[in-house]
C-alpha cells in the first residue's frame, strides 16, 4: 500500500487497484482487485495506476 508523505503526494504504488476515466461524466472510477467499482472522484486518484 502507498504511504502518505504529508506533502501532497504518496510514496509508492497502490497495489491491486486501477482507475479509469468516464469521459461522459468527466469522473475517475477506482476499481478494486476483484474488478468492482470502489469510489468515484472528479480528480484522478493519487498513486493508483490508470487502465
Protein backbone atom coordinates (compact mmCIF):
# COMPACT_ATOMS: atom_id res chain seq x y z
CA UNK A 1 0.00 0.00 0.00
CA UNK A 2 1.16 3.52 -0.64
CA UNK A 3 2.04 5.78 2.26
CA UNK A 4 1.12 9.44 2.62
CA UNK A 5 4.03 11.85 2.90
CA UNK A 6 2.10 14.93 4.03
CA UNK A 7 3.50 16.87 1.05
CA UNK A 8 0.62 16.39 -1.40
CA UNK A 9 1.72 13.06 -2.88
CA UNK A 10 2.08 9.40 -1.95
CA UNK A 11 5.20 7.30 -1.80
CA UNK A 12 4.92 4.01 -3.70
CA UNK A 13 2.12 2.50 -5.77
CA UNK A 14 -1.29 1.39 -4.58
CA UNK A 15 -1.18 -2.30 -5.49
CA UNK A 16 -4.02 -4.34 -6.98
CA UNK A 17 -6.10 -1.26 -7.82
CA UNK A 18 -6.64 0.71 -11.01
CA UNK A 19 -8.65 3.66 -12.22
CA UNK A 20 -10.41 4.51 -15.43
CA UNK A 21 -11.86 7.76 -16.72
CA UNK A 22 -15.52 8.15 -17.63
CA UNK A 23 -15.41 10.78 -20.41
CA UNK A 24 -19.19 11.30 -20.43
CA UNK A 25 -19.41 12.21 -16.74
CA UNK A 26 -15.82 13.55 -16.54
CA UNK A 27 -15.08 11.43 -13.48
CA UNK A 28 -12.49 8.85 -12.45
CA UNK A 29 -13.62 5.46 -11.16
CA UNK A 30 -11.40 3.36 -8.88
CA UNK A 31 -11.56 -0.45 -9.16
CA UNK A 32 -10.53 -2.97 -6.51
CA UNK A 33 -8.64 -6.19 -7.08
CA UNK A 34 -11.89 -8.07 -7.83
CA UNK A 35 -12.82 -5.57 -10.58
CA UNK A 36 -15.71 -3.98 -8.69
CA UNK A 37 -16.03 -0.21 -8.53
CA UNK A 38 -14.89 1.26 -5.22
CA UNK A 39 -15.07 5.04 -5.47
CA UNK A 40 -15.69 7.94 -7.87
CA UNK A 41 -13.84 11.25 -7.95
CA UNK A 42 -13.69 14.31 -10.20
CA UNK A 43 -9.87 14.32 -9.88
CA UNK A 44 -7.55 11.36 -10.58
CA UNK A 45 -6.72 9.20 -7.56
CA UNK A 46 -3.16 9.62 -6.31
CA UNK A 47 -0.85 6.64 -6.70
CA UNK A 48 -3.41 4.43 -8.47
CA UNK A 49 -2.46 3.13 -11.92
CA UNK A 50 -4.55 4.06 -14.93
CA UNK A 51 -6.12 1.48 -17.23
